[in-house]
Amino acid sequence: MNFRELEVFRIIAEYKSFTLASEQLYISQPSLSKTIKKLEEKLNAELFDRSNRSLQLTDEGKLLYNKTLIILREVKDLEGKLQNNEGQISGLLRIGIPQILGSFFFPKISKYFKDHYPHVEIVISEEGSLLTEKRVHKGELDAAIAVLPIHNEQLQEQVISDEPFVACLPYNHSLINEKTIQMKQLQDETWIMFDRSFALRKLLEESCYKSNFRPNTLYSTTQWDLLLSLVEAGLGITVIPKPVALKWHGSFIIRDLSDSYISWRVGLITNKKRHQSHALKALVRSIHELY
């Protein structure tokens, strides 16, 4: 027994005629008769008294009709609640956010999302992009803000930002008078970089290799403010995304890179092979509206 059979039965019972029911449902009379016959066989009960000119319900038919009204009403009510559920979205979202990305993008995203979906709880996991990517793949996180591109066919990305990298040098550096800098000019420098769990580290090292040198990395850190403090103290140079450099009001100089465009592409990543809850769909939609 299915909802279609019950709806057909209801219409026939109310019109007391296969002919009128056929016109109402735009289904041929033989098809309606076949549907009712199958229903009677499933229930092992005769539903209509066919001895009179107009169809009459049997006792079993009356019982089924009353139950059918309740069932179909409940189904319609459920459909309405599901359709209107977006305004009452609730639940839990587990989001991975590398520290450097969290401070730049998440406050704006979170404010917009909470204004529209106040009943969703967000649990934040702070790890590097490479680790969060793996956890989204495994289903341990619903989504993550990460450095793009990702190299996993199971994951999908939604771009949030695309910014260039710049060189950050101490104020006493020999290149202070240069308006722009080439990557090769930095090959003999002492480098300060993010930890290897950061996708930024991988992007930067690949850019150095393209310029035919391996950076001499003396310090590695997971803290962007510590990284820039070390540059400020004259302990080395770094190359980082321009928004990060501009956010730090310290005593160092910022120079554009003239021969190498390293793109800091940031986006939301989700697992396209896993079910997306209403809350996750709302987050994806919110980011699309914002960016």
Protein backbone atom coordinates (compact mmCIF):
# COMPACT_ATOMS: atom_id res chain seq x y z
CA MET A 1 0.00 0.00 0.00
CA ASN A 2 1.31 3.46 -0.91
CA PHE A 3 0.14 7.06 -0.73
CA ARG A 4 -0.90 7.11 -4.39
CA GLU A 5 -3.22 4.14 -3.90
CA LEU A 6 -4.77 5.78 -0.84
CA GLU A 7 -5.32 9.05 -2.69
CA VAL A 8 -6.99 7.21 -5.59
CA PHE A 9 -9.18 5.31 -3.12
CA ARG A 10 -10.17 8.57 -1.36
CA ILE A 11 -11.21 10.32 -4.56
CA ILE A 12 -13.29 7.34 -5.75
CA ALA A 13 -14.95 7.04 -2.33
CA GLU A 14 -15.86 10.73 -2.28
CA TYR A 15 -17.14 10.91 -5.86
CA LYS A 16 -18.81 7.47 -5.59
CA SER A 17 -17.98 6.93 -9.22
CA PHE A 18 -15.05 5.62 -11.23
CA THR A 19 -16.10 7.91 -14.10
CA LEU A 20 -16.05 11.12 -12.05
CA ALA A 21 -12.87 10.06 -10.26
CA SER A 22 -11.23 9.40 -13.63
CA GLU A 23 -12.04 12.93 -14.78
CA GLN A 24 -10.74 14.40 -11.53
CA LEU A 25 -7.46 12.45 -11.54
CA TYR A 26 -6.91 12.40 -15.33
CA ILE A 27 -6.46 8.64 -15.11
CA SER A 28 -8.35 6.13 -17.25
CA GLN A 29 -11.17 4.13 -15.64
CA PRO A 30 -9.46 0.77 -16.32
CA SER A 31 -6.34 2.03 -14.50
CA LEU A 32 -8.42 3.14 -11.53
CA SER A 33 -10.21 -0.18 -11.40
CA LYS A 34 -6.88 -2.01 -11.50
CA THR A 35 -5.50 0.14 -8.66
CA ILE A 36 -8.50 -0.55 -6.43
CA LYS A 37 -8.42 -4.26 -7.22
CA LYS A 38 -4.74 -4.44 -6.21
CA LEU A 39 -5.50 -2.53 -3.02
CA GLU A 40 -8.31 -4.91 -2.14
CA GLU A 41 -6.03 -7.88 -2.75
CA LYS A 42 -3.32 -6.41 -0.51
CA LEU A 43 -5.83 -5.82 2.29
CA ASN A 44 -7.77 -9.01 1.62
CA ALA A 45 -10.96 -6.97 1.88
CA GLU A 46 -13.70 -5.70 -0.43
CA LEU A 47 -13.76 -1.90 -0.19
CA PHE A 48 -16.72 -0.99 -2.43
CA ASP A 49 -20.21 -2.39 -2.80
CA ARG A 50 -20.62 -2.48 -6.58
CA SER A 51 -24.19 -3.84 -6.57
CA ASN A 52 -25.78 -0.38 -6.78
CA ARG A 53 -25.53 2.22 -9.55
CA SER A 54 -23.47 4.46 -7.29
CA LEU A 55 -20.49 3.03 -5.45
CA GLN A 56 -20.91 2.59 -1.73
CA LEU A 57 -18.22 1.85 0.81
CA THR A 58 -18.33 -1.46 2.64
CA ASP A 59 -17.67 -1.54 6.38
CA GLU A 60 -14.02 -2.27 5.63
CA GLY A 61 -14.03 0.56 3.06
CA LYS A 62 -15.44 3.03 5.62
CA LEU A 63 -12.72 2.06 8.09
CA LEU A 64 -10.00 2.51 5.47
CA TYR A 65 -11.51 5.83 4.31
CA ASN A 66 -11.44 7.30 7.83
CA LYS A 67 -7.85 6.12 8.37
CA THR A 68 -6.86 7.39 4.91
CA LEU A 69 -8.04 10.91 5.74
CA ILE A 70 -5.86 10.89 8.86
CA ILE A 71 -2.82 9.48 7.02
CA LEU A 72 -3.02 11.90 4.09
CA ARG A 73 -3.58 14.84 6.43
CA GLU A 74 -0.48 13.88 8.43
CA VAL A 75 1.57 13.51 5.24
CA LYS A 76 0.46 16.93 4.00
CA ASP A 77 1.25 18.48 7.37
CA LEU A 78 4.70 16.86 7.38
CA GLU A 79 5.43 18.13 3.86
CA GLY A 80 4.49 21.64 4.95
CA LYS A 81 6.75 21.48 7.99
CA LEU A 82 9.65 20.20 5.91
CA GLN A 83 9.16 22.93 3.31
CA ASN A 84 9.08 25.60 6.01
CA ASN A 85 11.95 24.08 7.96
CA GLU A 86 14.57 26.48 6.56
CA GLY A 87 13.33 29.28 8.78
CA GLN A 88 13.78 27.03 11.85
CA ILE A 89 17.06 25.38 10.95
CA SER A 90 18.87 24.01 13.97
CA GLY A 91 21.52 21.43 14.73
CA LEU A 92 25.29 21.24 14.97
CA LEU A 93 27.98 22.24 12.47
CA ARG A 94 31.59 21.08 12.89
CA ILE A 95 33.85 23.47 11.02
CA GLY A 96 37.62 23.34 10.61
CA ILE A 97 39.33 26.74 10.55
CA PRO A 98 43.09 27.31 10.42
CA GLN A 99 44.01 30.07 12.85
CA ILE A 100 45.24 32.49 10.22
CA LEU A 101 42.05 32.10 8.18
CA GLY A 102 39.74 32.21 11.15
CA SER A 103 40.65 35.73 12.20
CA PHE A 104 40.29 37.10 8.65
CA PHE A 105 37.14 35.45 7.35
CA PHE A 106 35.17 33.63 10.00
CA PRO A 107 33.91 36.60 12.10
CA LYS A 108 32.13 38.07 9.06
CA ILE A 109 30.74 34.69 7.99
CA SER A 110 29.68 33.80 11.52
CA LYS A 111 27.90 37.12 12.09
CA TYR A 112 25.91 36.80 8.88
CA PHE A 113 25.09 33.14 9.51
CA LYS A 114 23.99 33.66 13.12
CA ASP A 115 21.77 36.59 12.14
CA HIS A 116 19.90 34.29 9.74
CA TYR A 117 20.18 30.93 11.55
CA PRO A 118 20.44 31.61 15.29
CA HIS A 119 19.56 28.05 16.37
CA VAL A 120 22.58 26.36 14.76
CA GLU A 121 25.47 25.56 17.11
CA ILE A 122 28.94 25.82 15.56
CA VAL A 123 31.88 23.84 16.94
CA ILE A 124 35.23 25.13 15.66
CA SER A 125 38.31 22.98 15.19
CA GLU A 126 41.53 24.99 14.77
CA GLU A 127 44.09 23.13 12.66
CA GLY A 128 46.12 23.71 9.51
CA SER A 129 44.42 23.54 6.10
CA LEU A 130 46.01 20.21 5.21
CA LEU A 131 44.71 18.55 8.37
CA THR A 132 41.23 20.03 8.10
CA GLU A 133 41.03 18.86 4.49
CA LYS A 134 41.71 15.28 5.62
CA ARG A 135 39.11 15.52 8.39
CA VAL A 136 36.44 16.78 5.98
CA HIS A 137 37.28 13.84 3.73
CA LYS A 138 36.84 11.39 6.61
CA GLY A 139 33.57 13.00 7.70
CA GLU A 140 34.98 14.16 11.04
CA LEU A 141 34.18 17.76 10.02
CA ASP A 142 31.15 19.00 8.08
CA ALA A 143 33.15 21.72 6.34
CA ALA A 144 36.33 23.75 6.58
CA ILE A 145 37.71 27.08 5.48
CA ALA A 146 40.93 26.17 3.71
CA VAL A 147 43.60 27.33 1.32
CA LEU A 148 42.79 26.31 -2.26
CA PRO A 149 43.21 24.40 -4.44
CA ILE A 150 42.41 21.08 -2.82
CA HIS A 151 43.63 17.87 -4.39
CA ASN A 152 40.84 15.50 -3.49
CA GLU A 153 38.11 14.54 -5.96
CA GLN A 154 35.72 13.75 -3.11
CA LEU A 155 35.78 17.36 -1.87
CA GLN A 156 34.25 20.43 -3.45
CA GLU A 157 35.30 24.04 -2.98
CA GLN A 158 33.57 27.42 -2.89
CA VAL A 159 35.94 30.38 -3.34
CA ILE A 160 35.80 33.12 -0.69
CA SER A 161 38.90 35.21 -1.47
CA ASP A 162 41.83 35.47 -3.89
CA GLU A 163 44.76 37.68 -2.80
CA PRO A 164 48.49 37.98 -3.73
CA PHE A 165 51.49 37.23 -1.53
CA VAL A 166 53.98 39.97 -0.57
CA ALA A 167 57.48 40.02 0.90
CA CYS A 168 57.93 41.29 4.48
CA LEU A 169 61.40 42.60 5.32
CA PRO A 170 63.01 44.16 8.43
CA TYR A 171 63.45 47.95 8.24
CA ASN A 172 67.24 47.63 8.10
CA HIS A 173 67.12 45.29 5.10
CA SER A 174 69.31 45.99 2.04
CA LEU A 175 66.26 45.83 -0.28
CA ILE A 176 64.35 48.54 1.57
CA ASN A 177 64.61 50.98 -1.37
CA GLU A 178 63.23 48.51 -3.91
CA LYS A 179 59.62 49.18 -4.95
CA THR A 180 59.09 45.56 -5.96
CA ILE A 181 61.12 42.42 -5.32
CA GLN A 182 61.82 39.30 -7.34
CA MET A 183 61.74 35.95 -5.59
CA LYS A 184 65.31 35.19 -6.68
CA GLN A 185 66.51 38.22 -4.72
CA LEU A 186 65.43 36.38 -1.56
CA GLN A 187 67.27 33.12 -2.19
CA ASP A 188 70.14 33.88 0.20
CA GLU A 189 67.92 35.20 2.99
CA THR A 190 67.03 33.58 6.29
CA TRP A 191 63.37 32.62 5.99
CA ILE A 192 60.63 32.55 8.60
CA MET A 193 57.70 30.36 7.55
CA PHE A 194 54.49 28.83 8.74
CA ASP A 195 54.55 25.27 10.04
CA ARG A 196 54.44 22.43 7.51
CA SER A 197 50.84 21.62 8.49
CA PHE A 198 49.88 24.87 6.73
CA ALA A 199 48.98 24.81 3.02
CA LEU A 200 50.62 28.27 2.82
CA ARG A 201 53.99 26.66 3.51
CA LYS A 202 53.56 24.26 0.59
CA LEU A 203 52.49 27.07 -1.77
CA LEU A 204 55.47 29.20 -0.82
CA GLU A 205 58.05 26.43 -1.12
CA GLU A 206 56.72 25.50 -4.57
CA SER A 207 57.12 29.11 -5.66
CA CYS A 208 60.72 29.14 -4.42
CA TYR A 209 61.46 25.93 -6.33
CA LYS A 210 60.08 27.52 -9.50
CA SER A 211 62.61 30.32 -8.96
CA ASN A 212 65.33 27.64 -8.72
CA PHE A 213 66.20 27.81 -5.03
CA ARG A 214 65.35 26.15 -1.75
CA PRO A 215 64.58 28.59 1.07
CA ASN A 216 66.88 28.57 4.09
CA THR A 217 64.17 28.29 6.76
CA LEU A 218 65.37 29.07 10.27
CA TYR A 219 62.01 29.46 12.07
CA SER A 220 58.68 27.66 11.58
CA THR A 221 55.56 28.62 13.52
CA THR A 222 51.80 28.18 13.59
CA GLN A 223 51.29 31.76 14.85
CA TRP A 224 51.12 34.53 12.25
CA ASP A 225 51.67 37.26 14.83
CA LEU A 226 54.83 35.50 16.10
CA LEU A 227 56.04 35.08 12.52
CA LEU A 228 55.77 38.80 11.84
CA SER A 229 57.28 39.67 15.22
CA LEU A 230 60.36 37.68 14.25
CA VAL A 231 60.61 39.66 11.00
CA GLU A 232 60.16 42.87 12.95
CA ALA A 233 63.04 41.82 15.22
CA GLY A 234 65.30 41.47 12.18
CA LEU A 235 65.67 37.68 12.44
CA GLY A 236 64.67 36.97 8.86
CA ILE A 237 62.20 37.63 6.04
CA THR A 238 58.92 36.06 5.06
CA VAL A 239 56.46 35.97 2.19
CA ILE A 240 52.82 35.90 3.24
CA PRO A 241 49.35 36.85 1.93
CA LYS A 242 48.95 40.61 1.59
CA PRO A 243 45.88 40.90 3.90
CA VAL A 244 47.87 39.23 6.70
CA ALA A 245 50.78 41.63 6.28
CA LEU A 246 48.50 44.68 6.21
CA LYS A 247 46.69 43.61 9.36
CA TRP A 248 49.90 43.70 11.39
CA HIS A 249 50.87 47.27 12.24
CA GLY A 250 54.51 46.53 12.95
CA SER A 251 57.93 47.89 12.10
CA PHE A 252 58.73 46.13 8.84
CA ILE A 253 58.35 46.92 5.18
CA ILE A 254 56.02 45.28 2.64
CA ARG A 255 56.99 44.82 -1.00
CA ASP A 256 55.05 43.33 -3.91
CA LEU A 257 56.57 40.43 -5.80
CA SER A 258 57.19 41.39 -9.43
CA ASP A 259 58.16 38.07 -11.00
CA SER A 260 55.95 35.60 -9.20
CA TYR A 261 52.24 35.79 -8.50
CA ILE A 262 51.42 33.45 -5.65
CA SER A 263 47.68 33.37 -5.14
CA TRP A 264 46.16 33.07 -1.67
CA ARG A 265 42.88 31.46 -2.68
CA VAL A 266 40.66 30.70 0.27
CA GLY A 267 37.36 28.86 0.23
CA LEU A 268 34.87 26.62 1.96
CA ILE A 269 35.37 22.90 1.36
CA THR A 270 32.73 20.22 1.83
CA ASN A 271 32.48 16.51 1.09
CA LYS A 272 30.27 16.09 -1.98
CA LYS A 273 29.80 12.38 -1.31
CA ARG A 274 28.29 12.88 2.14
CA HIS A 275 24.80 14.01 3.11
CA GLN A 276 24.48 17.75 3.64
CA SER A 277 22.27 18.77 6.55
CA HIS A 278 19.97 21.80 6.33
CA ALA A 279 22.46 23.65 8.53
CA LEU A 280 25.38 22.92 6.19
CA LYS A 281 23.35 23.90 3.13
CA ALA A 282 22.48 27.15 4.91
CA LEU A 283 26.18 27.83 5.55
CA VAL A 284 27.06 27.21 1.89
CA ARG A 285 24.23 29.52 0.84
CA SER A 286 25.30 32.21 3.32
CA ILE A 287 28.87 32.24 1.97
CA HIS A 288 27.54 32.47 -1.59
CA GLU A 289 25.45 35.48 -0.57
CA LEU A 290 28.39 37.14 1.18
CA TYR A 291 31.06 36.57 -1.47
